[in-house]
Amino acid sequence: MRELAHDVRRLMTLAYPGEQSCLSEHIARAGFLSALADPEFELMIRARKPVDLDDALKIAHRFEVFKSVVESSTFMRFRVNRQATKFGFSEKSTSESGKRERRQQQGQS
């Protein structure tokens, strides 16, 4: 994303040399957001009302970090649940304690 912001800023400098106005910042911000090519991501950033390109980049970076944290924690939750099942907390257990529990349950039936 930093490269994208850098490219947008470079293109703005080439298109509007010597001009650093509110309009050029608005165009740069809009170009950056459109170039993300993810409407949902763009909407989240626009909802935070970034003032300029740098602000939009900071918000986008923050959302990207949050997204990776949520995705990794979701993966870990799945992995932990899978491990718990593998080690004897399900009907298909092959551990000794699992076998004992099944024998006790069958004896009670």
C-alpha atoms as a PDB file:
ATOM      1  CA  MET A   1       0.000   0.000   0.000  1.00  0.00           C
ATOM      2  CA  ARG A   2       2.892   2.340   0.670  1.00  0.00           C
ATOM      3  CA  GLU A   3       4.128   1.775  -2.854  1.00  0.00           C
ATOM      4  CA  LEU A   4       0.669   2.536  -4.193  1.00  0.00           C
ATOM      5  CA  ALA A   5       0.493   5.783  -2.213  1.00  0.00           C
ATOM      6  CA  HIS A   6       3.993   6.693  -3.396  1.00  0.00           C
ATOM      7  CA  ASP A   7       3.003   6.046  -7.027  1.00  0.00           C
ATOM      8  CA  VAL A   8      -0.168   8.132  -6.662  1.00  0.00           C
ATOM      9  CA  ARG A   9       1.816  11.005  -5.171  1.00  0.00           C
ATOM     10  CA  ARG A  10       4.419  10.761  -7.953  1.00  0.00           C
ATOM     11  CA  LEU A  11       1.707  10.792 -10.623  1.00  0.00           C
ATOM     12  CA  MET A  12       0.044  13.789  -8.977  1.00  0.00           C
ATOM     13  CA  THR A  13       3.372  15.634  -9.016  1.00  0.00           C
ATOM     14  CA  LEU A  14       3.766  14.876 -12.714  1.00  0.00           C
ATOM     15  CA  ALA A  15       0.171  15.822 -13.531  1.00  0.00           C
ATOM     16  CA  TYR A  16       0.093  18.995 -11.416  1.00  0.00           C
ATOM     17  CA  PRO A  17       3.696  20.214 -11.034  1.00  0.00           C
ATOM     18  CA  GLY A  18       4.246  22.754  -8.277  1.00  0.00           C
ATOM     19  CA  GLU A  19       0.640  22.585  -7.123  1.00  0.00           C
ATOM     20  CA  GLN A  20      -0.119  21.457  -3.601  1.00  0.00           C
ATOM     21  CA  SER A  21      -3.766  22.359  -3.132  1.00  0.00           C
ATOM     22  CA  CYS A  22      -6.743  20.894  -1.379  1.00  0.00           C
ATOM     23  CA  LEU A  23      -8.102  19.766  -4.745  1.00  0.00           C
ATOM     24  CA  SER A  24      -4.932  17.851  -5.646  1.00  0.00           C
ATOM     25  CA  GLU A  25      -4.981  16.124  -2.230  1.00  0.00           C
ATOM     26  CA  HIS A  26      -8.621  15.197  -2.802  1.00  0.00           C
ATOM     27  CA  ILE A  27      -7.767  13.750  -6.222  1.00  0.00           C
ATOM     28  CA  ALA A  28      -4.777  11.854  -4.790  1.00  0.00           C
ATOM     29  CA  ARG A  29      -6.864  10.406  -1.967  1.00  0.00           C
ATOM     30  CA  ALA A  30      -9.629   9.367  -4.378  1.00  0.00           C
ATOM     31  CA  GLY A  31      -7.114   7.789  -6.748  1.00  0.00           C
ATOM     32  CA  PHE A  32      -5.512   5.832  -3.930  1.00  0.00           C
ATOM     33  CA  LEU A  33      -8.843   4.511  -2.673  1.00  0.00           C
ATOM     34  CA  SER A  34     -10.022   3.565  -6.154  1.00  0.00           C
ATOM     35  CA  ALA A  35      -6.773   1.750  -6.862  1.00  0.00           C
ATOM     36  CA  LEU A  36      -7.306  -0.540  -3.871  1.00  0.00           C
ATOM     37  CA  ALA A  37      -9.760  -2.519  -6.042  1.00  0.00           C
ATOM     38  CA  ASP A  38     -11.682  -3.749  -2.993  1.00  0.00           C
ATOM     39  CA  PRO A  39     -15.007  -1.938  -2.578  1.00  0.00           C
ATOM     40  CA  GLU A  40     -15.534  -3.139   1.005  1.00  0.00           C
ATOM     41  CA  PHE A  41     -12.049  -2.042   2.063  1.00  0.00           C
ATOM     42  CA  GLU A  42     -12.497   1.279   0.265  1.00  0.00           C
ATOM     43  CA  LEU A  43     -15.816   1.832   2.042  1.00  0.00           C
ATOM     44  CA  MET A  44     -14.286   1.169   5.475  1.00  0.00           C
ATOM     45  CA  ILE A  45     -11.548   3.718   4.806  1.00  0.00           C
ATOM     46  CA  ARG A  46     -13.949   6.311   3.380  1.00  0.00           C
ATOM     47  CA  ALA A  47     -16.156   5.911   6.468  1.00  0.00           C
ATOM     48  CA  ARG A  48     -13.231   7.137   8.591  1.00  0.00           C
ATOM     49  CA  LYS A  49     -13.149  10.349   6.489  1.00  0.00           C
ATOM     50  CA  PRO A  50      -9.426  10.631   5.706  1.00  0.00           C
ATOM     51  CA  VAL A  51      -8.309  14.222   5.204  1.00  0.00           C
ATOM     52  CA  ASP A  52      -5.580  13.518   2.652  1.00  0.00           C
ATOM     53  CA  LEU A  53      -3.580  10.750   1.017  1.00  0.00           C
ATOM     54  CA  ASP A  54      -1.328  10.247   4.041  1.00  0.00           C
ATOM     55  CA  ASP A  55      -4.326   9.915   6.344  1.00  0.00           C
ATOM     56  CA  ALA A  56      -5.977   7.415   3.972  1.00  0.00           C
ATOM     57  CA  LEU A  57      -2.765   5.393   3.913  1.00  0.00           C
ATOM     58  CA  LYS A  58      -2.559   5.302   7.731  1.00  0.00           C
ATOM     59  CA  ILE A  59      -6.171   4.160   8.029  1.00  0.00           C
ATOM     60  CA  ALA A  60      -5.732   1.525   5.305  1.00  0.00           C
ATOM     61  CA  HIS A  61      -2.601   0.211   6.972  1.00  0.00           C
ATOM     62  CA  ARG A  62      -4.373   0.008  10.340  1.00  0.00           C
ATOM     63  CA  PHE A  63      -7.305  -1.916   8.841  1.00  0.00           C
ATOM     64  CA  GLU A  64      -4.908  -4.282   7.108  1.00  0.00           C
ATOM     65  CA  VAL A  65      -3.173  -5.038  10.414  1.00  0.00           C
ATOM     66  CA  PHE A  66      -6.520  -5.558  12.182  1.00  0.00           C
ATOM     67  CA  LYS A  67      -7.657  -7.886   9.414  1.00  0.00           C
ATOM     68  CA  SER A  68      -4.515 -10.016   9.634  1.00  0.00           C
ATOM     69  CA  VAL A  69      -4.859 -10.283  13.422  1.00  0.00           C
ATOM     70  CA  VAL A  70      -8.483 -11.406  13.155  1.00  0.00           C
ATOM     71  CA  GLU A  71      -7.673 -13.904  10.410  1.00  0.00           C
ATOM     72  CA  SER A  72      -4.780 -15.403  12.353  1.00  0.00           C
ATOM     73  CA  SER A  73      -6.823 -15.674  15.562  1.00  0.00           C
ATOM     74  CA  THR A  74      -9.635 -17.372  13.633  1.00  0.00           C
ATOM     75  CA  PHE A  75      -7.131 -19.843  12.201  1.00  0.00           C
ATOM     76  CA  MET A  76      -5.714 -20.523  15.679  1.00  0.00           C
ATOM     77  CA  ARG A  77      -9.199 -21.113  17.108  1.00  0.00           C
ATOM     78  CA  PHE A  78      -9.857 -23.704  14.409  1.00  0.00           C
ATOM     79  CA  ARG A  79      -6.477 -25.286  14.993  1.00  0.00           C
ATOM     80  CA  VAL A  80      -6.976 -25.500  18.779  1.00  0.00           C
ATOM     81  CA  ASN A  81     -10.417 -27.070  18.324  1.00  0.00           C
ATOM     82  CA  ARG A  82      -8.971 -29.590  15.885  1.00  0.00           C
ATOM     83  CA  GLN A  83      -6.205 -30.488  18.330  1.00  0.00           C
ATOM     84  CA  ALA A  84      -8.654 -30.956  21.189  1.00  0.00           C
ATOM     85  CA  THR A  85     -10.643 -33.390  19.071  1.00  0.00           C
ATOM     86  CA  LYS A  86      -7.494 -35.236  18.057  1.00  0.00           C
ATOM     87  CA  PHE A  87      -6.402 -35.840  21.649  1.00  0.00           C
ATOM     88  CA  GLY A  88      -9.449 -37.480  23.128  1.00  0.00           C
ATOM     89  CA  PHE A  89     -12.361 -35.135  23.442  1.00  0.00           C
ATOM     90  CA  SER A  90     -14.468 -36.832  20.793  1.00  0.00           C
ATOM     91  CA  GLU A  91     -16.067 -40.221  20.171  1.00  0.00           C
ATOM     92  CA  LYS A  92     -13.276 -41.173  17.736  1.00  0.00           C
ATOM     93  CA  SER A  93     -10.482 -40.965  20.317  1.00  0.00           C
ATOM     94  CA  THR A  94      -7.636 -43.475  20.139  1.00  0.00           C
ATOM     95  CA  SER A  95      -5.961 -42.425  23.403  1.00  0.00           C
ATOM     96  CA  GLU A  96      -5.928 -44.755  26.391  1.00  0.00           C
ATOM     97  CA  SER A  97      -8.137 -42.485  28.482  1.00  0.00           C
ATOM     98  CA  GLY A  98     -10.615 -42.265  25.591  1.00  0.00           C
ATOM     99  CA  LYS A  99     -10.707 -46.063  25.301  1.00  0.00           C
ATOM    100  CA  ARG A 100     -11.292 -46.389  29.061  1.00  0.00           C
ATOM    101  CA  GLU A 101     -14.119 -43.872  28.969  1.00  0.00           C
ATOM    102  CA  ARG A 102     -15.814 -45.707  26.101  1.00  0.00           C
ATOM    103  CA  ARG A 103     -15.508 -49.053  27.916  1.00  0.00           C
ATOM    104  CA  GLN A 104     -17.030 -47.511  31.057  1.00  0.00           C
ATOM    105  CA  GLN A 105     -19.886 -46.019  29.055  1.00  0.00           C
ATOM    106  CA  GLN A 106     -20.544 -49.347  27.315  1.00  0.00           C
ATOM    107  CA  GLY A 107     -20.529 -51.148  30.662  1.00  0.00           C
ATOM    108  CA  GLN A 108     -23.158 -48.762  32.017  1.00  0.00           C
ATOM    109  CA  SER A 109     -25.473 -49.293  29.053  1.00  0.00           C
END
